[in-house]
Amino acid sequence: MVVKIRLTQRGKKHQRSYRIIAVDSRKPRDTGKYLEELGSCHYNPRTKKIEFNLKDKDKENIKKWLKRGAQPTEATEELIKKYL
């Protein structure tokens, strides 16, 4: 089983929020079945601003999954590099 760290969408059309999750790579994006939630961020399209909420526990979990061999997607990898 290949584990991916990816974003899943939540919220309304123009008020998107995303959750960073660890999921089996064969699962579709927004099914709700994932291994663990690792953090969340909110995107405001009007101001093009990303509010990224990561606690120390979330940072540790992301590092733990990366050590286990989880592969982040491109968008998630950029967020991890920028905020971790």
PDB file of N, CA and C in Angstrom:
ATOM      1  N   MET A   1       0.855  -1.181   0.000  1.00  0.00           N
ATOM      2  CA  MET A   1       0.000   0.000   0.000  1.00  0.00           C
ATOM      3  C   MET A   1       0.896   1.237   0.000  1.00  0.00           C
ATOM      4  N   VAL A   2       0.698   2.093  -0.978  1.00  0.00           N
ATOM      5  CA  VAL A   2       1.436   3.344  -1.069  1.00  0.00           C
ATOM      6  C   VAL A   2       0.603   4.436  -0.414  1.00  0.00           C
ATOM      7  N   VAL A   3       1.211   5.132   0.540  1.00  0.00           N
ATOM      8  CA  VAL A   3       0.504   6.195   1.260  1.00  0.00           C
ATOM      9  C   VAL A   3       0.907   7.541   0.664  1.00  0.00           C
ATOM     10  N   LYS A   4      -0.091   8.374   0.390  1.00  0.00           N
ATOM     11  CA  LYS A   4       0.136   9.725  -0.117  1.00  0.00           C
ATOM     12  C   LYS A   4      -0.311  10.721   0.944  1.00  0.00           C
ATOM     13  N   ILE A   5       0.371  11.850   0.981  1.00  0.00           N
ATOM     14  CA  ILE A   5      -0.072  12.978   1.798  1.00  0.00           C
ATOM     15  C   ILE A   5      -0.651  13.973   0.810  1.00  0.00           C
ATOM     16  N   ARG A   6      -1.943  14.227   0.914  1.00  0.00           N
ATOM     17  CA  ARG A   6      -2.609  15.082  -0.063  1.00  0.00           C
ATOM     18  C   ARG A   6      -3.627  15.998   0.597  1.00  0.00           C
ATOM     19  N   LEU A   7      -4.191  16.894  -0.200  1.00  0.00           N
ATOM     20  CA  LEU A   7      -5.214  17.823   0.277  1.00  0.00           C
ATOM     21  C   LEU A   7      -6.592  17.276  -0.062  1.00  0.00           C
ATOM     22  N   THR A   8      -7.540  17.500   0.809  1.00  0.00           N
ATOM     23  CA  THR A   8      -8.931  17.188   0.534  1.00  0.00           C
ATOM     24  C   THR A   8      -9.743  18.456   0.745  1.00  0.00           C
ATOM     25  N   GLN A   9     -10.741  18.686  -0.108  1.00  0.00           N
ATOM     26  CA  GLN A   9     -11.501  19.934  -0.076  1.00  0.00           C
ATOM     27  C   GLN A   9     -12.664  19.854   0.894  1.00  0.00           C
ATOM     28  N   ARG A  10     -12.928  20.968   1.531  1.00  0.00           N
ATOM     29  CA  ARG A  10     -14.097  21.149   2.392  1.00  0.00           C
ATOM     30  C   ARG A  10     -14.610  22.568   2.172  1.00  0.00           C
ATOM     31  N   GLY A  11     -15.810  22.871   2.630  1.00  0.00           N
ATOM     32  CA  GLY A  11     -16.323  24.236   2.593  1.00  0.00           C
ATOM     33  C   GLY A  11     -17.182  24.541   1.382  1.00  0.00           C
ATOM     34  N   LYS A  12     -17.521  25.826   1.249  1.00  0.00           N
ATOM     35  CA  LYS A  12     -18.378  26.305   0.166  1.00  0.00           C
ATOM     36  C   LYS A  12     -17.555  26.598  -1.086  1.00  0.00           C
ATOM     37  N   LYS A  13     -18.237  27.006  -2.160  1.00  0.00           N
ATOM     38  CA  LYS A  13     -17.559  27.247  -3.432  1.00  0.00           C
ATOM     39  C   LYS A  13     -16.440  28.274  -3.325  1.00  0.00           C
ATOM     40  N   HIS A  14     -16.733  29.448  -2.832  1.00  0.00           N
ATOM     41  CA  HIS A  14     -15.737  30.513  -2.791  1.00  0.00           C
ATOM     42  C   HIS A  14     -15.147  30.703  -1.397  1.00  0.00           C
ATOM     43  N   GLN A  15     -15.329  29.713  -0.554  1.00  0.00           N
ATOM     44  CA  GLN A  15     -14.740  29.742   0.789  1.00  0.00           C
ATOM     45  C   GLN A  15     -14.160  28.371   1.090  1.00  0.00           C
ATOM     46  N   ARG A  16     -13.230  27.949   0.280  1.00  0.00           N
ATOM     47  CA  ARG A  16     -12.653  26.623   0.405  1.00  0.00           C
ATOM     48  C   ARG A  16     -11.755  26.505   1.628  1.00  0.00           C
ATOM     49  N   SER A  17     -11.822  25.361   2.236  1.00  0.00           N
ATOM     50  CA  SER A  17     -10.836  25.003   3.240  1.00  0.00           C
ATOM     51  C   SER A  17     -10.347  23.607   2.875  1.00  0.00           C
ATOM     52  N   TYR A  18      -9.126  23.329   3.222  1.00  0.00           N
ATOM     53  CA  TYR A  18      -8.506  22.069   2.851  1.00  0.00           C
ATOM     54  C   TYR A  18      -7.944  21.405   4.086  1.00  0.00           C
ATOM     55  N   ARG A  19      -7.933  20.100   4.065  1.00  0.00           N
ATOM     56  CA  ARG A  19      -7.315  19.332   5.125  1.00  0.00           C
ATOM     57  C   ARG A  19      -6.167  18.538   4.516  1.00  0.00           C
ATOM     58  N   ILE A  20      -5.088  18.468   5.239  1.00  0.00           N
ATOM     59  CA  ILE A  20      -3.968  17.643   4.820  1.00  0.00           C
ATOM     60  C   ILE A  20      -4.178  16.276   5.450  1.00  0.00           C
ATOM     61  N   ILE A  21      -4.195  15.236   4.608  1.00  0.00           N
ATOM     62  CA  ILE A  21      -4.491  13.898   5.097  1.00  0.00           C
ATOM     63  C   ILE A  21      -3.466  12.901   4.574  1.00  0.00           C
ATOM     64  N   ALA A  22      -3.334  11.811   5.289  1.00  0.00           N
ATOM     65  CA  ALA A  22      -2.577  10.654   4.822  1.00  0.00           C
ATOM     66  C   ALA A  22      -3.599   9.638   4.340  1.00  0.00           C
ATOM     67  N   VAL A  23      -3.453   9.183   3.099  1.00  0.00           N
ATOM     68  CA  VAL A  23      -4.464   8.324   2.496  1.00  0.00           C
ATOM     69  C   VAL A  23      -3.792   7.297   1.584  1.00  0.00           C
ATOM     70  N   ASP A  24      -4.452   6.175   1.406  1.00  0.00           N
ATOM     71  CA  ASP A  24      -3.997   5.179   0.444  1.00  0.00           C
ATOM     72  C   ASP A  24      -4.100   5.793  -0.952  1.00  0.00           C
ATOM     73  N   SER A  25      -3.065   5.655  -1.764  1.00  0.00           N
ATOM     74  CA  SER A  25      -3.010   6.343  -3.061  1.00  0.00           C
ATOM     75  C   SER A  25      -4.086   5.876  -4.036  1.00  0.00           C
ATOM     76  N   ARG A  26      -4.691   4.726  -3.797  1.00  0.00           N
ATOM     77  CA  ARG A  26      -5.722   4.216  -4.710  1.00  0.00           C
ATOM     78  C   ARG A  26      -7.103   4.810  -4.446  1.00  0.00           C
ATOM     79  N   LYS A  27      -7.272   5.517  -3.331  1.00  0.00           N
ATOM     80  CA  LYS A  27      -8.572   6.093  -2.971  1.00  0.00           C
ATOM     81  C   LYS A  27      -8.799   7.414  -3.712  1.00  0.00           C
ATOM     82  N   PRO A  28     -10.046   7.719  -4.088  1.00  0.00           N
ATOM     83  CA  PRO A  28     -10.352   9.028  -4.673  1.00  0.00           C
ATOM     84  C   PRO A  28     -10.177  10.143  -3.649  1.00  0.00           C
ATOM     85  N   ARG A  29     -10.127  11.397  -4.132  1.00  0.00           N
ATOM     86  CA  ARG A  29      -9.752  12.530  -3.288  1.00  0.00           C
ATOM     87  C   ARG A  29     -10.716  12.791  -2.135  1.00  0.00           C
ATOM     88  N   ASP A  30     -11.987  12.922  -2.363  1.00  0.00           N
ATOM     89  CA  ASP A  30     -12.922  13.403  -1.339  1.00  0.00           C
ATOM     90  C   ASP A  30     -13.892  12.333  -0.835  1.00  0.00           C
ATOM     91  N   THR A  31     -13.432  11.110  -0.654  1.00  0.00           N
ATOM     92  CA  THR A  31     -14.339  10.063  -0.188  1.00  0.00           C
ATOM     93  C   THR A  31     -14.575  10.103   1.311  1.00  0.00           C
ATOM     94  N   GLY A  32     -13.655  10.703   2.073  1.00  0.00           N
ATOM     95  CA  GLY A  32     -13.800  10.766   3.513  1.00  0.00           C
ATOM     96  C   GLY A  32     -13.131   9.602   4.222  1.00  0.00           C
ATOM     97  N   LYS A  33     -12.613   8.632   3.462  1.00  0.00           N
ATOM     98  CA  LYS A  33     -11.925   7.496   4.069  1.00  0.00           C
ATOM     99  C   LYS A  33     -10.424   7.733   3.975  1.00  0.00           C
ATOM    100  N   TYR A  34      -9.816   8.095   5.090  1.00  0.00           N
ATOM    101  CA  TYR A  34      -8.391   8.354   5.093  1.00  0.00           C
ATOM    102  C   TYR A  34      -7.769   7.765   6.353  1.00  0.00           C
ATOM    103  N   LEU A  35      -6.451   7.672   6.359  1.00  0.00           N
ATOM    104  CA  LEU A  35      -5.751   7.057   7.486  1.00  0.00           C
ATOM    105  C   LEU A  35      -5.627   8.000   8.668  1.00  0.00           C
ATOM    106  N   GLU A  36      -5.252   9.258   8.384  1.00  0.00           N
ATOM    107  CA  GLU A  36      -5.081  10.229   9.473  1.00  0.00           C
ATOM    108  C   GLU A  36      -5.148  11.650   8.920  1.00  0.00           C
ATOM    109  N   GLU A  37      -5.764  12.543   9.694  1.00  0.00           N
ATOM    110  CA  GLU A  37      -5.773  13.960   9.346  1.00  0.00           C
ATOM    111  C   GLU A  37      -4.533  14.603   9.959  1.00  0.00           C
ATOM    112  N   LEU A  38      -3.781  15.361   9.131  1.00  0.00           N
ATOM    113  CA  LEU A  38      -2.501  15.892   9.578  1.00  0.00           C
ATOM    114  C   LEU A  38      -2.493  17.400   9.784  1.00  0.00           C
ATOM    115  N   GLY A  39      -3.500  18.113   9.338  1.00  0.00           N
ATOM    116  CA  GLY A  39      -3.538  19.563   9.494  1.00  0.00           C
ATOM    117  C   GLY A  39      -4.631  20.148   8.624  1.00  0.00           C
ATOM    118  N   SER A  40      -4.745  21.479   8.634  1.00  0.00           N
ATOM    119  CA  SER A  40      -5.772  22.137   7.821  1.00  0.00           C
ATOM    120  C   SER A  40      -5.278  23.495   7.364  1.00  0.00           C
ATOM    121  N   CYS A  41      -5.868  23.981   6.264  1.00  0.00           N
ATOM    122  CA  CYS A  41      -5.565  25.325   5.792  1.00  0.00           C
ATOM    123  C   CYS A  41      -6.817  25.886   5.143  1.00  0.00           C
ATOM    124  N   HIS A  42      -6.901  27.205   5.112  1.00  0.00           N
ATOM    125  CA  HIS A  42      -8.046  27.901   4.537  1.00  0.00           C
ATOM    126  C   HIS A  42      -7.534  28.801   3.430  1.00  0.00           C
ATOM    127  N   TYR A  43      -8.193  28.748   2.269  1.00  0.00           N
ATOM    128  CA  TYR A  43      -7.783  29.550   1.124  1.00  0.00           C
ATOM    129  C   TYR A  43      -8.870  30.572   0.825  1.00  0.00           C
ATOM    130  N   ASN A  44      -8.487  31.852   0.776  1.00  0.00           N
ATOM    131  CA  ASN A  44      -9.415  32.921   0.432  1.00  0.00           C
ATOM    132  C   ASN A  44      -9.117  33.360  -0.999  1.00  0.00           C
ATOM    133  N   PRO A  45      -9.977  33.037  -1.982  1.00  0.00           N
ATOM    134  CA  PRO A  45      -9.680  33.358  -3.376  1.00  0.00           C
ATOM    135  C   PRO A  45      -9.724  34.851  -3.682  1.00  0.00           C
ATOM    136  N   ARG A  46     -10.428  35.607  -2.878  1.00  0.00           N
ATOM    137  CA  ARG A  46     -10.511  37.051  -3.135  1.00  0.00           C
ATOM    138  C   ARG A  46      -9.192  37.747  -2.838  1.00  0.00           C
ATOM    139  N   THR A  47      -8.518  37.327  -1.786  1.00  0.00           N
ATOM    140  CA  THR A  47      -7.236  37.940  -1.413  1.00  0.00           C
ATOM    141  C   THR A  47      -6.046  37.069  -1.794  1.00  0.00           C
ATOM    142  N   LYS A  48      -6.313  35.867  -2.303  1.00  0.00           N
ATOM    143  CA  LYS A  48      -5.268  34.901  -2.667  1.00  0.00           C
ATOM    144  C   LYS A  48      -4.373  34.577  -1.483  1.00  0.00           C
ATOM    145  N   LYS A  49      -4.962  34.533  -0.295  1.00  0.00           N
ATOM    146  CA  LYS A  49      -4.202  34.303   0.921  1.00  0.00           C
ATOM    147  C   LYS A  49      -4.495  32.911   1.468  1.00  0.00           C
ATOM    148  N   ILE A  50      -3.455  32.241   1.909  1.00  0.00           N
ATOM    149  CA  ILE A  50      -3.595  30.931   2.518  1.00  0.00           C
ATOM    150  C   ILE A  50      -3.299  31.065   4.010  1.00  0.00           C
ATOM    151  N   GLU A  51      -4.246  30.625   4.813  1.00  0.00           N
ATOM    152  CA  GLU A  51      -4.041  30.583   6.260  1.00  0.00           C
ATOM    153  C   GLU A  51      -3.793  29.132   6.621  1.00  0.00           C
ATOM    154  N   PHE A  52      -2.612  28.836   7.069  1.00  0.00           N
ATOM    155  CA  PHE A  52      -2.193  27.468   7.333  1.00  0.00           C
ATOM    156  C   PHE A  52      -2.111  27.261   8.829  1.00  0.00           C
ATOM    157  N   ASN A  53      -2.915  26.363   9.361  1.00  0.00           N
ATOM    158  CA  ASN A  53      -2.961  26.111  10.801  1.00  0.00           C
ATOM    159  C   ASN A  53      -2.299  24.779  11.100  1.00  0.00           C
ATOM    160  N   LEU A  54      -1.095  24.829  11.627  1.00  0.00           N
ATOM    161  CA  LEU A  54      -0.399  23.609  12.026  1.00  0.00           C
ATOM    162  C   LEU A  54       0.035  23.721  13.469  1.00  0.00           C
ATOM    163  N   LYS A  55      -0.328  22.749  14.249  1.00  0.00           N
ATOM    164  CA  LYS A  55       0.125  22.688  15.635  1.00  0.00           C
ATOM    165  C   LYS A  55       1.403  21.853  15.677  1.00  0.00           C
ATOM    166  N   ASP A  56       2.090  21.877  16.808  1.00  0.00           N
ATOM    167  CA  ASP A  56       3.316  21.089  16.950  1.00  0.00           C
ATOM    168  C   ASP A  56       3.042  19.599  16.752  1.00  0.00           C
ATOM    169  N   LYS A  57       1.893  19.153  17.245  1.00  0.00           N
ATOM    170  CA  LYS A  57       1.513  17.745  17.092  1.00  0.00           C
ATOM    171  C   LYS A  57       1.344  17.402  15.609  1.00  0.00           C
ATOM    172  N   ASP A  58       0.730  18.314  14.838  1.00  0.00           N
ATOM    173  CA  ASP A  58       0.535  18.088  13.412  1.00  0.00           C
ATOM    174  C   ASP A  58       1.870  18.015  12.679  1.00  0.00           C
ATOM    175  N   LYS A  59       2.804  18.883  13.041  1.00  0.00           N
ATOM    176  CA  LYS A  59       4.130  18.863  12.414  1.00  0.00           C
ATOM    177  C   LYS A  59       4.831  17.540  12.677  1.00  0.00           C
ATOM    178  N   GLU A  60       4.716  17.045  13.906  1.00  0.00           N
ATOM    179  CA  GLU A  60       5.321  15.759  14.245  1.00  0.00           C
ATOM    180  C   GLU A  60       4.694  14.628  13.447  1.00  0.00           C
ATOM    181  N   ASN A  61       3.369  14.670  13.287  1.00  0.00           N
ATOM    182  CA  ASN A  61       2.680  13.630  12.521  1.00  0.00           C
ATOM    183  C   ASN A  61       3.101  13.642  11.064  1.00  0.00           C
ATOM    184  N   ILE A  62       3.250  14.829  10.486  1.00  0.00           N
ATOM    185  CA  ILE A  62       3.687  14.917   9.086  1.00  0.00           C
ATOM    186  C   ILE A  62       5.087  14.338   8.947  1.00  0.00           C
ATOM    187  N   LYS A  63       5.983  14.696   9.850  1.00  0.00           N
ATOM    188  CA  LYS A  63       7.346  14.151   9.810  1.00  0.00           C
ATOM    189  C   LYS A  63       7.337  12.636   9.973  1.00  0.00           C
ATOM    190  N   LYS A  64       6.457  12.145  10.850  1.00  0.00           N
ATOM    191  CA  LYS A  64       6.352  10.702  11.085  1.00  0.00           C
ATOM    192  C   LYS A  64       5.934   9.977   9.805  1.00  0.00           C
ATOM    193  N   TRP A  65       4.927  10.513   9.107  1.00  0.00           N
ATOM    194  CA  TRP A  65       4.461   9.873   7.877  1.00  0.00           C
ATOM    195  C   TRP A  65       5.510   9.957   6.774  1.00  0.00           C
ATOM    196  N   LEU A  66       6.250  11.061   6.717  1.00  0.00           N
ATOM    197  CA  LEU A  66       7.309  11.169   5.713  1.00  0.00           C
ATOM    198  C   LEU A  66       8.425  10.157   5.985  1.00  0.00           C
ATOM    199  N   LYS A  67       8.750   9.929   7.248  1.00  0.00           N
ATOM    200  CA  LYS A  67       9.768   8.932   7.595  1.00  0.00           C
ATOM    201  C   LYS A  67       9.304   7.525   7.252  1.00  0.00           C
ATOM    202  N   ARG A  68       8.000   7.287   7.354  1.00  0.00           N
ATOM    203  CA  ARG A  68       7.445   5.971   7.019  1.00  0.00           C
ATOM    204  C   ARG A  68       7.430   5.718   5.509  1.00  0.00           C
ATOM    205  N   GLY A  69       7.656   6.757   4.709  1.00  0.00           N
ATOM    206  CA  GLY A  69       7.700   6.573   3.261  1.00  0.00           C
ATOM    207  C   GLY A  69       6.504   7.145   2.526  1.00  0.00           C
ATOM    208  N   ALA A  70       5.664   7.921   3.201  1.00  0.00           N
ATOM    209  CA  ALA A  70       4.531   8.545   2.528  1.00  0.00           C
ATOM    210  C   ALA A  70       5.043   9.585   1.538  1.00  0.00           C
ATOM    211  N   GLN A  71       4.395   9.664   0.383  1.00  0.00           N
ATOM    212  CA  GLN A  71       4.819  10.579  -0.664  1.00  0.00           C
ATOM    213  C   GLN A  71       3.831  11.740  -0.760  1.00  0.00           C
ATOM    214  N   PRO A  72       4.281  12.983  -0.539  1.00  0.00           N
ATOM    215  CA  PRO A  72       3.372  14.127  -0.669  1.00  0.00           C
ATOM    216  C   PRO A  72       3.118  14.463  -2.137  1.00  0.00           C
ATOM    217  N   THR A  73       1.927  14.964  -2.417  1.00  0.00           N
ATOM    218  CA  THR A  73       1.638  15.442  -3.765  1.00  0.00           C
ATOM    219  C   THR A  73       2.371  16.761  -3.972  1.00  0.00           C
ATOM    220  N   GLU A  74       2.369  17.279  -5.191  1.00  0.00           N
ATOM    221  CA  GLU A  74       3.121  18.497  -5.495  1.00  0.00           C
ATOM    222  C   GLU A  74       2.647  19.685  -4.657  1.00  0.00           C
ATOM    223  N   ALA A  75       1.335  19.896  -4.603  1.00  0.00           N
ATOM    224  CA  ALA A  75       0.794  21.035  -3.850  1.00  0.00           C
ATOM    225  C   ALA A  75       1.081  20.894  -2.363  1.00  0.00           C
ATOM    226  N   THR A  76       0.923  19.697  -1.849  1.00  0.00           N
ATOM    227  CA  THR A  76       1.170  19.461  -0.438  1.00  0.00           C
ATOM    228  C   THR A  76       2.649  19.608  -0.113  1.00  0.00           C
ATOM    229  N   GLU A  77       3.506  19.174  -1.011  1.00  0.00           N
ATOM    230  CA  GLU A  77       4.941  19.293  -0.788  1.00  0.00           C
ATOM    231  C   GLU A  77       5.370  20.755  -0.696  1.00  0.00           C
ATOM    232  N   GLU A  78       4.784  21.608  -1.544  1.00  0.00           N
ATOM    233  CA  GLU A  78       5.088  23.047  -1.490  1.00  0.00           C
ATOM    234  C   GLU A  78       4.643  23.643  -0.151  1.00  0.00           C
ATOM    235  N   LEU A  79       3.460  23.263   0.322  1.00  0.00           N
ATOM    236  CA  LEU A  79       2.981  23.768   1.603  1.00  0.00           C
ATOM    237  C   LEU A  79       3.858  23.284   2.753  1.00  0.00           C
ATOM    238  N   ILE A  80       4.272  22.044   2.696  1.00  0.00           N
ATOM    239  CA  ILE A  80       5.119  21.495   3.763  1.00  0.00           C
ATOM    240  C   ILE A  80       6.457  22.225   3.799  1.00  0.00           C
ATOM    241  N   LYS A  81       7.051  22.434   2.636  1.00  0.00           N
ATOM    242  CA  LYS A  81       8.333  23.139   2.588  1.00  0.00           C
ATOM    243  C   LYS A  81       8.214  24.568   3.100  1.00  0.00           C
ATOM    244  N   LYS A  82       7.099  25.211   2.759  1.00  0.00           N
ATOM    245  CA  LYS A  82       6.919  26.612   3.123  1.00  0.00           C
ATOM    246  C   LYS A  82       6.606  26.796   4.620  1.00  0.00           C
ATOM    247  N   TYR A  83       5.816  25.917   5.180  1.00  0.00           N
ATOM    248  CA  TYR A  83       5.329  26.115   6.553  1.00  0.00           C
ATOM    249  C   TYR A  83       5.923  25.166   7.576  1.00  0.00           C
ATOM    250  N   LEU A  84       6.698  24.191   7.160  1.00  0.00           N
ATOM    251  CA  LEU A  84       7.274  23.245   8.119  1.00  0.00           C
ATOM    252  C   LEU A  84       8.720  23.597   8.284  1.00  0.00           C
TER     253      LEU A  84
END
